[in-house]
C-alpha atoms as a PDB file:
ATOM      1  CA  MET A   1     210.892  17.848 222.372  1.00  0.00           C
ATOM      2  CA  THR A   2     213.639  20.194 221.247  1.00  0.00           C
ATOM      3  CA  SER A   3     213.172  23.886 221.929  1.00  0.00           C
ATOM      4  CA  ALA A   4     211.688  25.630 218.912  1.00  0.00           C
ATOM      5  CA  SER A   5     214.114  28.502 219.367  1.00  0.00           C
ATOM      6  CA  ASP A   6     217.073  26.156 218.870  1.00  0.00           C
ATOM      7  CA  ALA A   7     215.986  23.894 216.032  1.00  0.00           C
ATOM      8  CA  VAL A   8     213.215  22.820 213.738  1.00  0.00           C
ATOM      9  CA  VAL A   9     210.554  20.757 215.463  1.00  0.00           C
ATOM     10  CA  THR A  10     207.854  18.708 213.791  1.00  0.00           C
ATOM     11  CA  ALA A  11     204.679  17.597 215.515  1.00  0.00           C
ATOM     12  CA  SER A  12     204.132  13.898 214.995  1.00  0.00           C
ATOM     13  CA  ASP A  13     201.079  13.281 212.806  1.00  0.00           C
ATOM     14  CA  ALA A  14     199.177  16.443 213.816  1.00  0.00           C
ATOM     15  CA  VAL A  15     196.456  17.533 211.405  1.00  0.00           C
ATOM     16  CA  VAL A  16     193.893  20.307 211.079  1.00  0.00           C
ATOM     17  CA  THR A  17     190.346  18.927 211.110  1.00  0.00           C
ATOM     18  CA  GLY A  18     188.292  22.108 211.374  1.00  0.00           C
ATOM     19  CA  VAL A  19     188.268  25.857 210.790  1.00  0.00           C
ATOM     20  CA  GLY A  20     185.928  28.372 212.420  1.00  0.00           C
ATOM     21  CA  LEU A  21     185.453  32.027 211.495  1.00  0.00           C
ATOM     22  CA  ALA A  22     184.011  35.083 213.201  1.00  0.00           C
ATOM     23  CA  LEU A  23     185.269  37.739 210.794  1.00  0.00           C
ATOM     24  CA  PRO A  24     183.527  40.620 209.018  1.00  0.00           C
ATOM     25  CA  GLY A  25     182.581  39.573 205.508  1.00  0.00           C
ATOM     26  CA  ALA A  26     184.089  36.078 205.711  1.00  0.00           C
ATOM     27  CA  ARG A  27     181.947  32.957 205.853  1.00  0.00           C
ATOM     28  CA  HIS A  28     184.296  30.468 204.200  1.00  0.00           C
ATOM     29  CA  THR A  29     188.045  29.864 204.269  1.00  0.00           C
ATOM     30  CA  ALA A  30     188.262  30.826 200.598  1.00  0.00           C
ATOM     31  CA  ASP A  31     187.230  34.348 201.637  1.00  0.00           C
ATOM     32  CA  LEU A  32     190.555  34.652 203.484  1.00  0.00           C
ATOM     33  CA  LEU A  33     192.364  34.664 200.140  1.00  0.00           C
ATOM     34  CA  ARG A  34     190.751  37.889 198.930  1.00  0.00           C
ATOM     35  CA  THR A  35     193.150  40.678 198.045  1.00  0.00           C
ATOM     36  CA  THR A  36     190.717  43.598 198.197  1.00  0.00           C
ATOM     37  CA  ARG A  37     188.808  44.889 201.191  1.00  0.00           C
ATOM     38  CA  GLU A  38     185.037  44.864 200.829  1.00  0.00           C
ATOM     39  CA  PRO A  39     182.501  46.726 202.994  1.00  0.00           C
ATOM     40  CA  ALA A  40     181.242  44.466 205.773  1.00  0.00           C
ATOM     41  CA  GLU A  41     179.300  44.839 208.979  1.00  0.00           C
ATOM     42  CA  PRO A  42     181.061  44.071 212.271  1.00  0.00           C
ATOM     43  CA  VAL A  43     180.496  40.579 213.643  1.00  0.00           C
ATOM     44  CA  ASP A  44     177.399  40.409 215.869  1.00  0.00           C
ATOM     45  CA  PRO A  45     177.979  37.543 218.333  1.00  0.00           C
ATOM     46  CA  GLY A  46     174.341  37.509 219.409  1.00  0.00           C
ATOM     47  CA  THR A  47     173.249  36.838 215.835  1.00  0.00           C
ATOM     48  CA  LEU A  48     175.827  34.080 215.319  1.00  0.00           C
ATOM     49  CA  ILE A  49     175.430  32.061 218.509  1.00  0.00           C
ATOM     50  CA  GLY A  50     172.527  33.631 220.406  1.00  0.00           C
ATOM     51  CA  ARG A  51     172.753  35.966 223.365  1.00  0.00           C
ATOM     52  CA  ARG A  52     172.613  33.329 226.053  1.00  0.00           C
ATOM     53  CA  GLY A  53     175.938  33.182 227.878  1.00  0.00           C
ATOM     54  CA  LEU A  54     177.265  36.430 226.364  1.00  0.00           C
ATOM     55  CA  ARG A  55     176.135  38.786 229.103  1.00  0.00           C
ATOM     56  CA  TYR A  56     179.052  40.301 231.052  1.00  0.00           C
ATOM     57  CA  LYS A  57     181.540  38.886 228.512  1.00  0.00           C
ATOM     58  CA  ASP A  58     183.889  41.352 226.804  1.00  0.00           C
ATOM     59  CA  ARG A  59     183.982  41.517 223.003  1.00  0.00           C
ATOM     60  CA  ALA A  60     187.146  39.455 222.611  1.00  0.00           C
ATOM     61  CA  THR A  61     185.599  36.597 224.568  1.00  0.00           C
ATOM     62  CA  GLN A  62     182.331  36.866 222.642  1.00  0.00           C
ATOM     63  CA  LEU A  63     184.151  36.697 219.298  1.00  0.00           C
ATOM     64  CA  ALA A  64     186.213  33.722 220.485  1.00  0.00           C
ATOM     65  CA  LEU A  65     183.046  31.910 221.547  1.00  0.00           C
ATOM     66  CA  CYS A  66     181.629  32.457 218.048  1.00  0.00           C
ATOM     67  CA  ALA A  67     184.719  31.035 216.355  1.00  0.00           C
ATOM     68  CA  ALA A  68     184.858  28.156 218.848  1.00  0.00           C
ATOM     69  CA  GLN A  69     181.295  27.069 218.154  1.00  0.00           C
ATOM     70  CA  ASP A  70     181.900  27.292 214.409  1.00  0.00           C
ATOM     71  CA  VAL A  71     185.075  25.198 214.527  1.00  0.00           C
ATOM     72  CA  LEU A  72     183.591  22.580 216.855  1.00  0.00           C
ATOM     73  CA  ARG A  73     180.727  22.099 214.418  1.00  0.00           C
ATOM     74  CA  SER A  74     182.879  22.143 211.278  1.00  0.00           C
ATOM     75  CA  SER A  75     185.189  19.508 212.765  1.00  0.00           C
ATOM     76  CA  GLY A  76     182.327  17.271 213.904  1.00  0.00           C
ATOM     77  CA  LEU A  77     183.073  17.755 217.593  1.00  0.00           C
ATOM     78  CA  LEU A  78     179.611  19.292 217.980  1.00  0.00           C
ATOM     79  CA  PRO A  79     176.565  18.189 215.973  1.00  0.00           C
ATOM     80  CA  ALA A  80     176.057  20.438 212.946  1.00  0.00           C
ATOM     81  CA  ASP A  81     172.393  20.960 213.859  1.00  0.00           C
ATOM     82  CA  GLY A  82     173.306  22.305 217.292  1.00  0.00           C
ATOM     83  CA  GLU A  83     171.443  19.535 219.073  1.00  0.00           C
ATOM     84  CA  GLY A  84     173.419  17.775 221.781  1.00  0.00           C
ATOM     85  CA  GLY A  85     176.863  18.253 223.258  1.00  0.00           C
ATOM     86  CA  LEU A  86     180.380  17.131 222.399  1.00  0.00           C
ATOM     87  CA  THR A  87     180.756  14.014 220.304  1.00  0.00           C
ATOM     88  CA  VAL A  88     184.018  13.163 222.118  1.00  0.00           C
ATOM     89  CA  PRO A  89     184.980  13.138 225.823  1.00  0.00           C
ATOM     90  CA  GLY A  90     185.514  16.660 227.154  1.00  0.00           C
ATOM     91  CA  ASP A  91     188.875  15.782 228.675  1.00  0.00           C
ATOM     92  CA  SER A  92     190.182  14.860 225.215  1.00  0.00           C
ATOM     93  CA  VAL A  93     189.860  18.473 224.012  1.00  0.00           C
ATOM     94  CA  GLY A  94     192.228  21.268 225.021  1.00  0.00           C
ATOM     95  CA  VAL A  95     192.104  25.007 224.322  1.00  0.00           C
ATOM     96  CA  ALA A  96     194.902  27.340 223.170  1.00  0.00           C
ATOM     97  CA  VAL A  97     194.032  31.001 222.596  1.00  0.00           C
ATOM     98  CA  SER A  98     196.311  33.702 221.217  1.00  0.00           C
ATOM     99  CA  SER A  99     195.488  37.376 221.741  1.00  0.00           C
ATOM    100  CA  ASN A 100     197.926  40.172 222.470  1.00  0.00           C
ATOM    101  CA  LEU A 101     195.374  42.931 223.023  1.00  0.00           C
ATOM    102  CA  GLY A 102     192.018  41.170 223.294  1.00  0.00           C
ATOM    103  CA  ASN A 103     190.879  42.347 226.720  1.00  0.00           C
ATOM    104  CA  LEU A 104     193.152  45.385 226.988  1.00  0.00           C
ATOM    105  CA  ASP A 105     190.140  47.707 227.016  1.00  0.00           C
ATOM    106  CA  THR A 106     188.687  45.894 230.027  1.00  0.00           C
ATOM    107  CA  VAL A 107     192.006  46.013 231.888  1.00  0.00           C
ATOM    108  CA  CYS A 108     192.325  49.750 231.260  1.00  0.00           C
ATOM    109  CA  GLU A 109     188.737  50.424 232.309  1.00  0.00           C
ATOM    110  CA  VAL A 110     189.195  48.493 235.556  1.00  0.00           C
ATOM    111  CA  ALA A 111     192.515  50.180 236.337  1.00  0.00           C
ATOM    112  CA  SER A 112     191.078  53.638 235.620  1.00  0.00           C
ATOM    113  CA  ALA A 113     188.063  52.994 237.815  1.00  0.00           C
ATOM    114  CA  ILE A 114     190.223  51.820 240.714  1.00  0.00           C
ATOM    115  CA  ALA A 115     192.542  54.821 240.330  1.00  0.00           C
ATOM    116  CA  ALA A 116     189.633  57.262 240.227  1.00  0.00           C
ATOM    117  CA  GLU A 117     187.719  55.699 243.096  1.00  0.00           C
ATOM    118  CA  THR A 118     188.278  52.344 244.868  1.00  0.00           C
ATOM    119  CA  THR A 119     187.868  48.662 244.180  1.00  0.00           C
ATOM    120  CA  SER A 120     184.298  48.975 245.450  1.00  0.00           C
ATOM    121  CA  ARG A 121     183.566  50.727 242.152  1.00  0.00           C
ATOM    122  CA  ILE A 122     184.273  47.499 240.220  1.00  0.00           C
ATOM    123  CA  SER A 123     181.426  45.151 239.381  1.00  0.00           C
ATOM    124  CA  PRO A 124     182.129  41.579 240.542  1.00  0.00           C
ATOM    125  CA  MET A 125     180.656  40.421 237.232  1.00  0.00           C
ATOM    126  CA  ALA A 126     183.041  42.544 235.169  1.00  0.00           C
ATOM    127  CA  LEU A 127     186.266  41.987 237.109  1.00  0.00           C
ATOM    128  CA  PRO A 128     186.960  38.437 235.804  1.00  0.00           C
ATOM    129  CA  ASN A 129     187.182  39.910 232.301  1.00  0.00           C
ATOM    130  CA  ALA A 130     190.434  41.600 233.333  1.00  0.00           C
ATOM    131  CA  SER A 131     192.124  38.207 233.775  1.00  0.00           C
ATOM    132  CA  SER A 132     194.721  37.434 231.112  1.00  0.00           C
ATOM    133  CA  ASN A 133     193.289  33.965 230.482  1.00  0.00           C
ATOM    134  CA  VAL A 134     189.600  34.872 230.512  1.00  0.00           C
ATOM    135  CA  ILE A 135     189.126  34.076 226.809  1.00  0.00           C
ATOM    136  CA  ALA A 136     190.588  30.567 226.960  1.00  0.00           C
ATOM    137  CA  SER A 137     188.812  29.681 230.188  1.00  0.00           C
ATOM    138  CA  SER A 138     185.469  31.014 228.939  1.00  0.00           C
ATOM    139  CA  VAL A 139     185.660  28.880 225.788  1.00  0.00           C
ATOM    140  CA  ALA A 140     186.505  25.798 227.847  1.00  0.00           C
ATOM    141  CA  MET A 141     183.666  26.344 230.316  1.00  0.00           C
ATOM    142  CA  GLN A 142     181.129  27.108 227.592  1.00  0.00           C
ATOM    143  CA  HIS A 143     181.697  23.786 225.848  1.00  0.00           C
ATOM    144  CA  GLY A 144     182.983  21.530 228.625  1.00  0.00           C
ATOM    145  CA  LEU A 145     186.506  21.267 227.197  1.00  0.00           C
ATOM    146  CA  ARG A 146     188.479  19.811 230.103  1.00  0.00           C
ATOM    147  CA  GLY A 147     191.865  19.260 228.470  1.00  0.00           C
ATOM    148  CA  PRO A 148     194.896  21.558 228.882  1.00  0.00           C
ATOM    149  CA  ASN A 149     194.031  25.246 228.722  1.00  0.00           C
ATOM    150  CA  LEU A 150     196.589  27.795 227.489  1.00  0.00           C
ATOM    151  CA  MET A 151     196.581  31.529 226.753  1.00  0.00           C
ATOM    152  CA  PHE A 152     199.292  33.083 224.576  1.00  0.00           C
ATOM    153  CA  CYS A 153     200.206  36.790 224.561  1.00  0.00           C
ATOM    154  CA  ASN A 154     203.549  36.544 222.821  1.00  0.00           C
ATOM    155  CA  GLY A 155     203.903  39.377 220.352  1.00  0.00           C
ATOM    156  CA  PRO A 156     203.931  38.890 216.579  1.00  0.00           C
ATOM    157  CA  THR A 157     204.722  35.158 216.783  1.00  0.00           C
ATOM    158  CA  SER A 158     201.918  34.443 219.245  1.00  0.00           C
ATOM    159  CA  GLY A 159     199.423  32.866 216.834  1.00  0.00           C
ATOM    160  CA  LEU A 160     201.890  30.412 215.293  1.00  0.00           C
ATOM    161  CA  ASP A 161     203.278  29.673 218.753  1.00  0.00           C
ATOM    162  CA  ALA A 162     199.759  28.665 219.840  1.00  0.00           C
ATOM    163  CA  VAL A 163     199.385  26.355 216.826  1.00  0.00           C
ATOM    164  CA  TYR A 164     202.754  24.746 217.567  1.00  0.00           C
ATOM    165  CA  TRP A 165     202.061  24.213 221.255  1.00  0.00           C
ATOM    166  CA  ALA A 166     198.655  22.756 220.439  1.00  0.00           C
ATOM    167  CA  ALA A 167     200.413  20.222 218.229  1.00  0.00           C
ATOM    168  CA  ALA A 168     202.966  19.598 220.981  1.00  0.00           C
ATOM    169  CA  LEU A 169     200.190  18.835 223.482  1.00  0.00           C
ATOM    170  CA  VAL A 170     198.646  16.375 221.033  1.00  0.00           C
ATOM    171  CA  SER A 171     201.988  14.742 220.205  1.00  0.00           C
ATOM    172  CA  ALA A 172     202.813  14.380 223.902  1.00  0.00           C
ATOM    173  CA  GLY A 173     199.512  12.624 224.551  1.00  0.00           C
ATOM    174  CA  ARG A 174     198.158  15.326 226.856  1.00  0.00           C
ATOM    175  CA  CYS A 175     194.949  15.370 224.793  1.00  0.00           C
ATOM    176  CA  ASP A 176     193.712  14.144 221.421  1.00  0.00           C
ATOM    177  CA  ARG A 177     192.830  17.537 219.976  1.00  0.00           C
ATOM    178  CA  VAL A 178     193.083  21.262 220.741  1.00  0.00           C
ATOM    179  CA  VAL A 179     190.822  24.141 219.776  1.00  0.00           C
ATOM    180  CA  VAL A 180     193.217  26.938 218.736  1.00  0.00           C
ATOM    181  CA  ILE A 181     191.769  30.452 218.580  1.00  0.00           C
ATOM    182  CA  GLY A 182     193.273  33.748 217.481  1.00  0.00           C
ATOM    183  CA  VAL A 183     191.263  36.833 218.412  1.00  0.00           C
ATOM    184  CA  GLU A 184     191.769  40.592 218.487  1.00  0.00           C
ATOM    185  CA  THR A 185     189.373  43.519 218.782  1.00  0.00           C
ATOM    186  CA  ALA A 186     189.252  47.072 217.474  1.00  0.00           C
ATOM    187  CA  ASN A 187     188.375  49.695 220.085  1.00  0.00           C
ATOM    188  CA  ALA A 188     189.540  53.096 221.272  1.00  0.00           C
ATOM    189  CA  VAL A 189     192.117  51.669 223.687  1.00  0.00           C
ATOM    190  CA  VAL A 190     193.767  49.495 221.032  1.00  0.00           C
ATOM    191  CA  GLU A 191     193.628  52.339 218.509  1.00  0.00           C
ATOM    192  CA  GLY A 192     195.430  54.607 220.962  1.00  0.00           C
ATOM    193  CA  LEU A 193     198.100  52.055 221.817  1.00  0.00           C
ATOM    194  CA  LEU A 194     198.895  51.064 218.233  1.00  0.00           C
ATOM    195  CA  GLY A 195     198.256  54.427 216.610  1.00  0.00           C
ATOM    196  CA  GLU A 196     196.037  52.773 214.008  1.00  0.00           C
ATOM    197  CA  PRO A 197     192.428  53.647 213.099  1.00  0.00           C
ATOM    198  CA  ALA A 198     189.785  50.997 213.765  1.00  0.00           C
ATOM    199  CA  GLU A 199     189.317  50.236 210.070  1.00  0.00           C
ATOM    200  CA  ARG A 200     192.933  49.023 209.910  1.00  0.00           C
ATOM    201  CA  LEU A 201     192.590  46.673 212.890  1.00  0.00           C
ATOM    202  CA  LEU A 202     191.226  43.134 213.027  1.00  0.00           C
ATOM    203  CA  ASP A 203     187.963  42.862 214.924  1.00  0.00           C
ATOM    204  CA  GLY A 204     187.261  39.164 214.829  1.00  0.00           C
ATOM    205  CA  ALA A 205     188.361  35.642 215.640  1.00  0.00           C
ATOM    206  CA  VAL A 206     189.618  32.565 213.797  1.00  0.00           C
ATOM    207  CA  ALA A 207     189.775  29.012 215.121  1.00  0.00           C
ATOM    208  CA  LEU A 208     191.347  25.681 214.168  1.00  0.00           C
ATOM    209  CA  VAL A 209     191.091  22.170 215.543  1.00  0.00           C
ATOM    210  CA  VAL A 210     194.563  20.642 215.713  1.00  0.00           C
ATOM    211  CA  GLU A 211     194.188  16.901 216.225  1.00  0.00           C
ATOM    212  CA  SER A 212     196.296  13.777 216.258  1.00  0.00           C
ATOM    213  CA  GLY A 213     196.031  11.812 213.033  1.00  0.00           C
ATOM    214  CA  PRO A 214     195.027   8.568 214.763  1.00  0.00           C
ATOM    215  CA  ALA A 215     192.323  10.331 216.805  1.00  0.00           C
ATOM    216  CA  ALA A 216     190.941  11.973 213.668  1.00  0.00           C
ATOM    217  CA  ARG A 217     190.874   8.677 211.788  1.00  0.00           C
ATOM    218  CA  ALA A 218     189.251   6.890 214.721  1.00  0.00           C
ATOM    219  CA  ARG A 219     186.240   9.200 214.610  1.00  0.00           C
ATOM    220  CA  GLY A 220     186.120   9.410 210.813  1.00  0.00           C
ATOM    221  CA  ALA A 221     187.210  13.050 210.593  1.00  0.00           C
ATOM    222  CA  ARG A 222     188.663  14.276 207.296  1.00  0.00           C
ATOM    223  CA  PRO A 223     191.923  16.208 207.689  1.00  0.00           C
ATOM    224  CA  MET A 224     192.112  19.568 205.937  1.00  0.00           C
ATOM    225  CA  ALA A 225     195.869  20.021 206.354  1.00  0.00           C
ATOM    226  CA  ALA A 226     198.865  18.444 208.054  1.00  0.00           C
ATOM    227  CA  LEU A 227     201.358  20.312 210.221  1.00  0.00           C
ATOM    228  CA  GLY A 228     204.965  20.281 209.121  1.00  0.00           C
ATOM    229  CA  PRO A 229     208.116  21.729 210.717  1.00  0.00           C
ATOM    230  CA  TYR A 230     207.984  24.831 212.931  1.00  0.00           C
ATOM    231  CA  THR A 231     210.754  27.074 214.202  1.00  0.00           C
ATOM    232  CA  ARG A 232     211.270  30.385 215.994  1.00  0.00           C
ATOM    233  CA  ARG A 233     214.386  32.381 215.109  1.00  0.00           C
ATOM    234  CA  GLY A 234     215.789  35.895 215.015  1.00  0.00           C
ATOM    235  CA  SER A 235     215.132  36.733 211.365  1.00  0.00           C
ATOM    236  CA  VAL A 236     212.915  35.787 208.447  1.00  0.00           C
ATOM    237  CA  ARG A 237     215.874  34.397 206.518  1.00  0.00           C
ATOM    238  CA  ALA A 238     216.877  32.163 209.434  1.00  0.00           C
ATOM    239  CA  VAL A 239     213.330  30.847 209.718  1.00  0.00           C
ATOM    240  CA  VAL A 240     213.113  30.072 205.995  1.00  0.00           C
ATOM    241  CA  GLU A 241     216.482  28.326 206.066  1.00  0.00           C
ATOM    242  CA  ARG A 242     215.371  26.166 208.986  1.00  0.00           C
ATOM    243  CA  VAL A 243     211.916  25.274 207.735  1.00  0.00           C
ATOM    244  CA  LEU A 244     212.977  24.881 204.095  1.00  0.00           C
ATOM    245  CA  PRO A 245     216.526  23.500 204.165  1.00  0.00           C
ATOM    246  CA  GLY A 246     217.974  23.883 200.694  1.00  0.00           C
ATOM    247  CA  GLY A 247     214.716  25.508 199.614  1.00  0.00           C
ATOM    248  CA  ARG A 248     212.862  22.188 199.689  1.00  0.00           C
ATOM    249  CA  PRO A 249     210.065  21.356 199.622  1.00  0.00           C
ATOM    250  CA  ALA A 250     209.258  24.371 197.470  1.00  0.00           C
ATOM    251  CA  PRO A 251     206.046  25.928 198.850  1.00  0.00           C
ATOM    252  CA  ALA A 252     203.149  26.787 196.561  1.00  0.00           C
ATOM    253  CA  ILE A 253     202.396  29.980 198.526  1.00  0.00           C
ATOM    254  CA  TRP A 254     204.002  32.080 201.250  1.00  0.00           C
ATOM    255  CA  PHE A 255     201.798  33.701 203.884  1.00  0.00           C
ATOM    256  CA  THR A 256     203.860  36.545 205.304  1.00  0.00           C
ATOM    257  CA  SER A 257     203.133  39.586 207.443  1.00  0.00           C
ATOM    258  CA  GLN A 258     206.102  41.610 206.196  1.00  0.00           C
ATOM    259  CA  GLU A 259     205.234  45.021 204.806  1.00  0.00           C
ATOM    260  CA  GLN A 260     207.873  44.543 202.116  1.00  0.00           C
ATOM    261  CA  PRO A 261     208.601  40.824 201.669  1.00  0.00           C
ATOM    262  CA  PRO A 262     211.569  39.791 199.537  1.00  0.00           C
ATOM    263  CA  ALA A 263     210.837  40.033 195.838  1.00  0.00           C
ATOM    264  CA  LEU A 264     210.357  36.904 193.780  1.00  0.00           C
ATOM    265  CA  ALA A 265     213.618  35.241 192.774  1.00  0.00           C
ATOM    266  CA  THR A 266     215.478  36.718 195.775  1.00  0.00           C
ATOM    267  CA  PRO A 267     218.204  34.192 196.700  1.00  0.00           C
ATOM    268  CA  GLY A 268     217.487  32.334 199.942  1.00  0.00           C
ATOM    269  CA  PHE A 269     213.721  32.878 199.812  1.00  0.00           C
ATOM    270  CA  PRO A 270     211.018  30.786 198.137  1.00  0.00           C
ATOM    271  CA  ASP A 271     209.964  31.728 194.642  1.00  0.00           C
ATOM    272  CA  ALA A 272     206.266  31.505 195.536  1.00  0.00           C
ATOM    273  CA  PRO A 273     203.389  33.989 195.468  1.00  0.00           C
ATOM    274  CA  ARG A 274     202.989  35.974 198.707  1.00  0.00           C
ATOM    275  CA  HIS A 275     199.727  36.614 200.504  1.00  0.00           C
ATOM    276  CA  ASP A 276     198.956  38.713 203.579  1.00  0.00           C
ATOM    277  CA  PRO A 277     195.323  38.482 204.800  1.00  0.00           C
ATOM    278  CA  THR A 278     195.792  41.523 207.044  1.00  0.00           C
ATOM    279  CA  GLY A 279     195.492  43.699 203.941  1.00  0.00           C
ATOM    280  CA  VAL A 280     191.810  42.766 203.885  1.00  0.00           C
ATOM    281  CA  PHE A 281     190.988  42.020 207.526  1.00  0.00           C
ATOM    282  CA  GLY A 282     193.294  44.452 209.329  1.00  0.00           C
ATOM    283  CA  ARG A 283     196.300  44.211 211.594  1.00  0.00           C
ATOM    284  CA  ALA A 284     195.883  40.898 213.392  1.00  0.00           C
ATOM    285  CA  ASP A 285     198.624  40.842 216.070  1.00  0.00           C
ATOM    286  CA  GLY A 286     198.090  37.739 218.224  1.00  0.00           C
ATOM    287  CA  ALA A 287     195.508  36.304 215.837  1.00  0.00           C
ATOM    288  CA  LEU A 288     197.789  36.496 212.794  1.00  0.00           C
ATOM    289  CA  GLY A 289     199.307  33.009 212.767  1.00  0.00           C
ATOM    290  CA  VAL A 290     195.925  31.339 213.242  1.00  0.00           C
ATOM    291  CA  LEU A 291     194.424  33.527 210.494  1.00  0.00           C
ATOM    292  CA  GLN A 292     197.243  32.577 208.130  1.00  0.00           C
ATOM    293  CA  CYS A 293     196.794  28.855 208.824  1.00  0.00           C
ATOM    294  CA  ALA A 294     193.064  29.155 208.125  1.00  0.00           C
ATOM    295  CA  ALA A 295     193.848  30.975 204.866  1.00  0.00           C
ATOM    296  CA  ALA A 296     196.231  28.177 203.903  1.00  0.00           C
ATOM    297  CA  VAL A 297     193.432  25.658 204.467  1.00  0.00           C
ATOM    298  CA  GLY A 298     191.289  27.812 202.187  1.00  0.00           C
ATOM    299  CA  ARG A 299     193.917  27.590 199.460  1.00  0.00           C
ATOM    300  CA  PHE A 300     194.133  23.812 199.828  1.00  0.00           C
ATOM    301  CA  GLY A 301     190.418  23.741 199.088  1.00  0.00           C
ATOM    302  CA  THR A 302     191.106  24.871 195.520  1.00  0.00           C
ATOM    303  CA  HIS A 303     194.714  23.636 195.212  1.00  0.00           C
ATOM    304  CA  PRO A 304     194.561  20.213 196.871  1.00  0.00           C
ATOM    305  CA  SER A 305     198.290  19.508 196.689  1.00  0.00           C
ATOM    306  CA  GLY A 306     201.435  21.342 197.720  1.00  0.00           C
ATOM    307  CA  THR A 307     202.551  23.171 200.831  1.00  0.00           C
ATOM    308  CA  ALA A 308     202.163  26.610 202.386  1.00  0.00           C
ATOM    309  CA  LEU A 309     204.952  28.484 204.140  1.00  0.00           C
ATOM    310  CA  ILE A 310     203.690  30.655 207.000  1.00  0.00           C
ATOM    311  CA  THR A 311     205.836  33.247 208.771  1.00  0.00           C
ATOM    312  CA  THR A 312     204.918  35.814 211.402  1.00  0.00           C
ATOM    313  CA  GLY A 313     207.044  38.761 212.439  1.00  0.00           C
ATOM    314  CA  ASP A 314     209.907  40.456 210.650  1.00  0.00           C
ATOM    315  CA  ASP A 315     213.525  41.346 211.300  1.00  0.00           C
ATOM    316  CA  THR A 316     212.569  44.333 213.454  1.00  0.00           C
ATOM    317  CA  ASP A 317     210.742  42.119 215.973  1.00  0.00           C
ATOM    318  CA  ASP A 318     212.262  40.166 218.839  1.00  0.00           C
ATOM    319  CA  ALA A 319     211.569  36.900 217.003  1.00  0.00           C
ATOM    320  CA  VAL A 320     210.099  35.434 213.836  1.00  0.00           C
ATOM    321  CA  ALA A 321     208.121  32.181 213.744  1.00  0.00           C
ATOM    322  CA  GLY A 322     207.662  29.878 210.780  1.00  0.00           C
ATOM    323  CA  LEU A 323     205.522  26.838 210.023  1.00  0.00           C
ATOM    324  CA  LEU A 324     205.139  24.631 206.981  1.00  0.00           C
ATOM    325  CA  LEU A 325     201.577  23.462 206.395  1.00  0.00           C
ATOM    326  CA  HIS A 326     200.920  20.587 204.009  1.00  0.00           C
ATOM    327  CA  SER A 327     197.819  19.799 202.030  1.00  0.00           C
ATOM    328  CA  ALA A 328     196.086  16.787 203.525  1.00  0.00           C
ATOM    329  CA  ARG A 329     196.740  14.990 200.234  1.00  0.00           C
ATOM    330  CA  GLU A 330     200.446  15.807 200.248  1.00  0.00           C
ATOM    331  CA  GLU A 331     202.846  13.313 201.759  1.00  0.00           C
ATOM    332  CA  ARG A 332     205.118  14.915 204.333  1.00  0.00           C
ATOM    333  CA  PRO A 333     208.842  14.344 203.884  1.00  0.00           C
END
């Protein structure tokens, strides 16, 4: 498969068959299309999935476990009533998690404790939470997902990168489906690093199931969206030119994280309404691309045809990623 940094790549027949949410004030994908912030209580993982298995887990892992359970049920990979285990072999399901800052608080706490005292000060139950891949591995162990297991911490493009590599795993035959999770938390450490107050930071998780079309059809799953071309370039304009050569197909909506996206009718950019879910749910960092894809699925629920352009990053970042997501009813070119 061609490097995404050099050309457009398209996953062969990869579809989205489930969405899971663990976000304040959002129960359905349509909620991701809101344009105004509404008061909402923080997500309580114990209320959503029960407290069993959450002890000693940091908040990022707990939120990811909530989104994972939701997406496994919504996609039919777990029974909706919670009775019984996976409906498919565990080795057919991979995990790809994107989080730039998810367990940063744990890492800082462990490092501070070691600096102040010694390693004997660290609880053997807490130390694994400082591992960079603790979220992805915890999700896999919780549900017996024995396929490939990946953790992405890749800056502003991280979420879309995770979606792309999930599709690449499926297309390469490494597994039939991948649970993709984007998660970030709001805490004092993240606030200090980013210089943002907690109310402007995402504290939640979003999940997708990216699955091969044949595998989805074989188990009677209904696709919610189909993945189109993806690329990773040095600017927003370059991404748009690669994903939409000649401006076609014209997207029905553009999910962008730019603070000031190009105005409508700007040459070289799609003449489509823009939407940024971070205005409601807070700065999403590594979870952004997954959040945007879930929002696109929400739009397809009320606009069952057309495409959605998704871009993460802007021209001030080291890279920008772009993905075209098609309605499940829309034929891909």
